[in-house]
Amino acid sequence: MWNVGVEGQYKGVFGSVIGRYVDKSYSDAANRDVAVGVQGAWDAYYLLDTKIGYEVLKGVKASFAVQNLLDESYYQSALMPSRTFIGEVVVNF
């Protein structure tokens, strides 16, 4: 398993790109679970997530993120979510 990413900020703009990899997991100690890509399997996967945002006002940030940018299909016992879009507004006071 590994994570690697880059985050940055310039004036009011901020963003990140993060890659994650998780190798196949097994459901028993003898590693006999060889199923891949089906319900109940614990697949290996690589995900790329990204986020970009802007500080609209002092203490108010708006951002847009995409999780699983490459839209990888994989199972972690159940089918995991495909590409997901997230909008966010954060207010600090």
N, C-alpha and C. Protein backbone atom coordinates (compact mmCIF):
# COMPACT_ATOMS: atom_id res chain seq x y z
N MET A 1 0.86 -1.16 0.00
CA MET A 1 0.00 0.00 0.00
C MET A 1 0.90 1.22 0.00
N TRP A 2 0.55 2.23 -0.81
CA TRP A 2 1.29 3.48 -0.79
C TRP A 2 0.40 4.64 -1.21
N ASN A 3 0.81 5.82 -0.81
CA ASN A 3 0.16 7.08 -1.18
C ASN A 3 1.24 8.03 -1.62
N VAL A 4 0.97 8.81 -2.64
CA VAL A 4 1.89 9.87 -3.05
C VAL A 4 1.03 11.03 -3.55
N GLY A 5 1.44 12.23 -3.20
CA GLY A 5 0.62 13.37 -3.59
C GLY A 5 1.39 14.66 -3.64
N VAL A 6 0.75 15.63 -4.24
CA VAL A 6 1.29 16.98 -4.33
C VAL A 6 0.17 17.93 -3.93
N GLU A 7 0.48 18.83 -3.02
CA GLU A 7 -0.46 19.87 -2.63
C GLU A 7 0.21 21.21 -2.85
N GLY A 8 -0.57 22.21 -3.21
CA GLY A 8 0.01 23.52 -3.41
C GLY A 8 -0.99 24.62 -3.16
N GLN A 9 -0.44 25.81 -2.98
CA GLN A 9 -1.27 26.99 -2.76
C GLN A 9 -0.54 28.19 -3.33
N TYR A 10 -1.26 29.03 -4.04
CA TYR A 10 -0.70 30.26 -4.57
C TYR A 10 -1.77 31.34 -4.45
N LYS A 11 -1.45 32.34 -3.65
CA LYS A 11 -2.42 33.39 -3.33
C LYS A 11 -3.68 32.73 -2.82
N GLY A 12 -4.83 32.91 -3.47
CA GLY A 12 -6.07 32.33 -2.96
C GLY A 12 -6.43 30.98 -3.55
N VAL A 13 -5.62 30.48 -4.48
CA VAL A 13 -5.93 29.22 -5.15
C VAL A 13 -5.15 28.08 -4.48
N PHE A 14 -5.80 26.96 -4.26
CA PHE A 14 -5.14 25.79 -3.68
C PHE A 14 -5.61 24.54 -4.39
N GLY A 15 -4.80 23.49 -4.31
CA GLY A 15 -5.19 22.25 -4.95
C GLY A 15 -4.30 21.10 -4.56
N SER A 16 -4.70 19.92 -4.98
CA SER A 16 -3.92 18.72 -4.69
C SER A 16 -4.23 17.64 -5.72
N VAL A 17 -3.25 16.76 -5.89
CA VAL A 17 -3.40 15.54 -6.69
C VAL A 17 -2.77 14.43 -5.87
N ILE A 18 -3.53 13.38 -5.59
CA ILE A 18 -3.07 12.30 -4.72
C ILE A 18 -3.34 10.96 -5.39
N GLY A 19 -2.30 10.13 -5.46
CA GLY A 19 -2.43 8.78 -5.99
C GLY A 19 -2.32 7.78 -4.85
N ARG A 20 -3.15 6.74 -4.89
CA ARG A 20 -3.15 5.70 -3.85
C ARG A 20 -3.15 4.33 -4.51
N TYR A 21 -2.37 3.43 -3.95
CA TYR A 21 -2.37 2.04 -4.43
C TYR A 21 -2.54 1.11 -3.24
N VAL A 22 -3.41 0.12 -3.40
CA VAL A 22 -3.60 -0.91 -2.39
C VAL A 22 -3.53 -2.25 -3.12
N ASP A 23 -2.67 -3.14 -2.63
CA ASP A 23 -2.52 -4.46 -3.24
C ASP A 23 -3.68 -5.37 -2.83
N LYS A 24 -3.80 -6.48 -3.50
CA LYS A 24 -4.86 -7.45 -3.20
C LYS A 24 -4.76 -7.92 -1.75
N SER A 25 -5.92 -8.06 -1.11
CA SER A 25 -6.01 -8.62 0.24
C SER A 25 -6.66 -9.99 0.14
N TYR A 26 -6.39 -10.82 1.13
CA TYR A 26 -6.94 -12.18 1.13
C TYR A 26 -7.85 -12.37 2.34
N SER A 27 -8.84 -13.24 2.17
CA SER A 27 -9.82 -13.44 3.23
C SER A 27 -9.44 -14.59 4.18
N ASP A 28 -8.38 -15.35 3.86
CA ASP A 28 -7.95 -16.40 4.77
C ASP A 28 -6.41 -16.40 4.90
N ALA A 29 -5.92 -16.99 5.94
CA ALA A 29 -4.48 -16.95 6.25
C ALA A 29 -3.63 -17.68 5.21
N ALA A 30 -4.21 -18.61 4.46
CA ALA A 30 -3.45 -19.37 3.46
C ALA A 30 -3.44 -18.69 2.08
N ASN A 31 -4.06 -17.53 1.97
CA ASN A 31 -4.13 -16.78 0.70
C ASN A 31 -4.77 -17.59 -0.43
N ARG A 32 -5.78 -18.36 -0.10
CA ARG A 32 -6.45 -19.18 -1.12
C ARG A 32 -7.51 -18.41 -1.88
N ASP A 33 -7.84 -17.21 -1.44
CA ASP A 33 -8.86 -16.39 -2.09
C ASP A 33 -8.26 -15.76 -3.34
N VAL A 34 -8.51 -16.36 -4.50
CA VAL A 34 -7.92 -15.86 -5.74
C VAL A 34 -8.95 -15.13 -6.61
N ALA A 35 -10.16 -14.97 -6.14
CA ALA A 35 -11.20 -14.28 -6.90
C ALA A 35 -10.82 -12.81 -7.11
N VAL A 36 -11.09 -12.32 -8.30
CA VAL A 36 -10.80 -10.93 -8.65
C VAL A 36 -11.99 -10.37 -9.43
N GLY A 37 -12.41 -9.16 -9.10
CA GLY A 37 -13.45 -8.50 -9.87
C GLY A 37 -14.85 -9.02 -9.66
N VAL A 38 -15.10 -9.66 -8.52
CA VAL A 38 -16.43 -10.19 -8.22
C VAL A 38 -16.81 -9.85 -6.78
N GLN A 39 -18.09 -9.91 -6.48
CA GLN A 39 -18.58 -9.68 -5.13
C GLN A 39 -17.83 -10.59 -4.16
N GLY A 40 -17.34 -10.05 -3.06
CA GLY A 40 -16.62 -10.81 -2.07
C GLY A 40 -15.11 -10.76 -2.22
N ALA A 41 -14.61 -10.32 -3.38
CA ALA A 41 -13.17 -10.22 -3.61
C ALA A 41 -12.61 -8.95 -2.98
N TRP A 42 -11.32 -8.97 -2.70
CA TRP A 42 -10.61 -7.80 -2.18
C TRP A 42 -9.51 -7.47 -3.19
N ASP A 43 -9.89 -6.74 -4.25
CA ASP A 43 -9.01 -6.46 -5.37
C ASP A 43 -7.90 -5.46 -5.04
N ALA A 44 -6.84 -5.53 -5.83
CA ALA A 44 -5.84 -4.47 -5.83
C ALA A 44 -6.44 -3.29 -6.59
N TYR A 45 -6.07 -2.07 -6.22
CA TYR A 45 -6.58 -0.91 -6.95
C TYR A 45 -5.62 0.26 -6.85
N TYR A 46 -5.71 1.13 -7.84
CA TYR A 46 -4.97 2.38 -7.88
C TYR A 46 -5.99 3.48 -8.10
N LEU A 47 -5.97 4.50 -7.25
CA LEU A 47 -6.90 5.62 -7.38
C LEU A 47 -6.14 6.93 -7.51
N LEU A 48 -6.73 7.84 -8.25
CA LEU A 48 -6.18 9.18 -8.39
C LEU A 48 -7.29 10.15 -7.98
N ASP A 49 -7.00 10.98 -6.99
CA ASP A 49 -7.95 11.97 -6.49
C ASP A 49 -7.38 13.36 -6.72
N THR A 50 -8.24 14.33 -6.98
CA THR A 50 -7.78 15.69 -7.20
C THR A 50 -8.76 16.68 -6.56
N LYS A 51 -8.24 17.85 -6.22
CA LYS A 51 -9.06 18.88 -5.61
C LYS A 51 -8.50 20.24 -6.00
N ILE A 52 -9.38 21.18 -6.30
CA ILE A 52 -8.98 22.55 -6.57
C ILE A 52 -9.97 23.48 -5.89
N GLY A 53 -9.45 24.58 -5.36
CA GLY A 53 -10.33 25.50 -4.66
C GLY A 53 -9.80 26.92 -4.66
N TYR A 54 -10.60 27.81 -4.11
CA TYR A 54 -10.27 29.22 -4.08
C TYR A 54 -10.82 29.84 -2.80
N GLU A 55 -10.02 30.72 -2.20
CA GLU A 55 -10.49 31.45 -1.02
C GLU A 55 -11.27 32.66 -1.52
N VAL A 56 -12.59 32.54 -1.49
CA VAL A 56 -13.49 33.56 -2.04
C VAL A 56 -13.41 34.84 -1.23
N LEU A 57 -13.50 34.73 0.07
CA LEU A 57 -13.37 35.83 1.03
C LEU A 57 -12.47 35.34 2.15
N LYS A 58 -11.97 36.23 2.95
CA LYS A 58 -11.15 35.81 4.08
C LYS A 58 -11.97 34.89 4.98
N GLY A 59 -11.51 33.66 5.14
CA GLY A 59 -12.21 32.67 5.97
C GLY A 59 -13.27 31.87 5.24
N VAL A 60 -13.47 32.12 3.95
CA VAL A 60 -14.47 31.38 3.16
C VAL A 60 -13.78 30.76 1.94
N LYS A 61 -13.76 29.43 1.90
CA LYS A 61 -13.13 28.71 0.80
C LYS A 61 -14.15 27.83 0.10
N ALA A 62 -14.08 27.82 -1.22
CA ALA A 62 -14.92 26.95 -2.03
C ALA A 62 -14.00 26.03 -2.81
N SER A 63 -14.38 24.75 -2.92
CA SER A 63 -13.53 23.81 -3.65
C SER A 63 -14.37 22.79 -4.39
N PHE A 64 -13.71 22.15 -5.35
CA PHE A 64 -14.32 21.09 -6.15
C PHE A 64 -13.32 19.93 -6.18
N ALA A 65 -13.79 18.73 -5.89
CA ALA A 65 -12.91 17.57 -5.85
C ALA A 65 -13.50 16.43 -6.69
N VAL A 66 -12.59 15.60 -7.20
CA VAL A 66 -12.99 14.39 -7.92
C VAL A 66 -12.23 13.23 -7.29
N GLN A 67 -12.96 12.27 -6.77
CA GLN A 67 -12.36 11.05 -6.23
C GLN A 67 -12.48 9.95 -7.27
N ASN A 68 -11.46 9.09 -7.36
CA ASN A 68 -11.41 8.05 -8.37
C ASN A 68 -11.51 8.67 -9.77
N LEU A 69 -10.64 9.62 -10.02
CA LEU A 69 -10.64 10.39 -11.28
C LEU A 69 -10.60 9.49 -12.51
N LEU A 70 -9.87 8.38 -12.46
CA LEU A 70 -9.74 7.48 -13.60
C LEU A 70 -10.90 6.49 -13.71
N ASP A 71 -11.87 6.60 -12.80
CA ASP A 71 -13.09 5.78 -12.79
C ASP A 71 -12.79 4.28 -12.77
N GLU A 72 -11.86 3.88 -11.89
CA GLU A 72 -11.50 2.46 -11.77
C GLU A 72 -12.62 1.69 -11.08
N SER A 73 -12.89 0.50 -11.59
CA SER A 73 -13.90 -0.39 -11.00
C SER A 73 -13.16 -1.47 -10.21
N TYR A 74 -13.49 -1.60 -8.91
CA TYR A 74 -12.82 -2.58 -8.07
C TYR A 74 -13.72 -2.97 -6.91
N TYR A 75 -13.42 -4.12 -6.33
CA TYR A 75 -14.19 -4.64 -5.21
C TYR A 75 -13.36 -4.62 -3.94
N GLN A 76 -13.98 -4.25 -2.85
CA GLN A 76 -13.46 -4.41 -1.50
C GLN A 76 -14.59 -5.09 -0.74
N SER A 77 -14.80 -6.35 -1.05
CA SER A 77 -15.92 -7.17 -0.65
C SER A 77 -17.15 -6.81 -1.49
N ALA A 78 -17.49 -5.53 -1.58
CA ALA A 78 -18.58 -5.05 -2.43
C ALA A 78 -17.98 -4.13 -3.50
N LEU A 79 -18.73 -3.87 -4.54
CA LEU A 79 -18.28 -2.95 -5.58
C LEU A 79 -18.14 -1.55 -4.99
N MET A 80 -16.99 -0.95 -5.15
CA MET A 80 -16.72 0.37 -4.59
C MET A 80 -17.22 1.45 -5.54
N PRO A 81 -17.44 2.68 -5.01
CA PRO A 81 -18.00 3.75 -5.84
C PRO A 81 -17.11 4.10 -7.03
N SER A 82 -17.76 4.45 -8.13
CA SER A 82 -17.03 4.91 -9.30
C SER A 82 -16.62 6.37 -9.09
N ARG A 83 -16.30 7.06 -10.15
CA ARG A 83 -15.89 8.46 -10.05
C ARG A 83 -16.94 9.26 -9.27
N THR A 84 -16.46 10.07 -8.32
CA THR A 84 -17.34 10.85 -7.45
C THR A 84 -16.94 12.31 -7.49
N PHE A 85 -17.91 13.21 -7.63
CA PHE A 85 -17.68 14.65 -7.66
C PHE A 85 -18.18 15.26 -6.36
N ILE A 86 -17.37 16.15 -5.78
CA ILE A 86 -17.71 16.75 -4.49
C ILE A 86 -17.49 18.25 -4.55
N GLY A 87 -18.50 19.02 -4.17
CA GLY A 87 -18.38 20.45 -4.01
C GLY A 87 -18.37 20.77 -2.53
N GLU A 88 -17.56 21.77 -2.13
CA GLU A 88 -17.41 22.04 -0.71
C GLU A 88 -17.28 23.55 -0.48
N VAL A 89 -17.90 24.01 0.57
CA VAL A 89 -17.72 25.39 1.04
C VAL A 89 -17.36 25.31 2.53
N VAL A 90 -16.24 25.94 2.88
CA VAL A 90 -15.76 25.92 4.27
C VAL A 90 -15.73 27.35 4.78
N VAL A 91 -16.34 27.56 5.93
CA VAL A 91 -16.34 28.88 6.56
C VAL A 91 -15.63 28.76 7.92
N ASN A 92 -14.56 29.53 8.09
CA ASN A 92 -13.84 29.60 9.37
C ASN A 92 -14.14 30.93 10.04
N PHE A 93 -14.48 30.87 11.31
CA PHE A 93 -14.74 32.12 12.04
C PHE A 93 -14.22 32.01 13.44
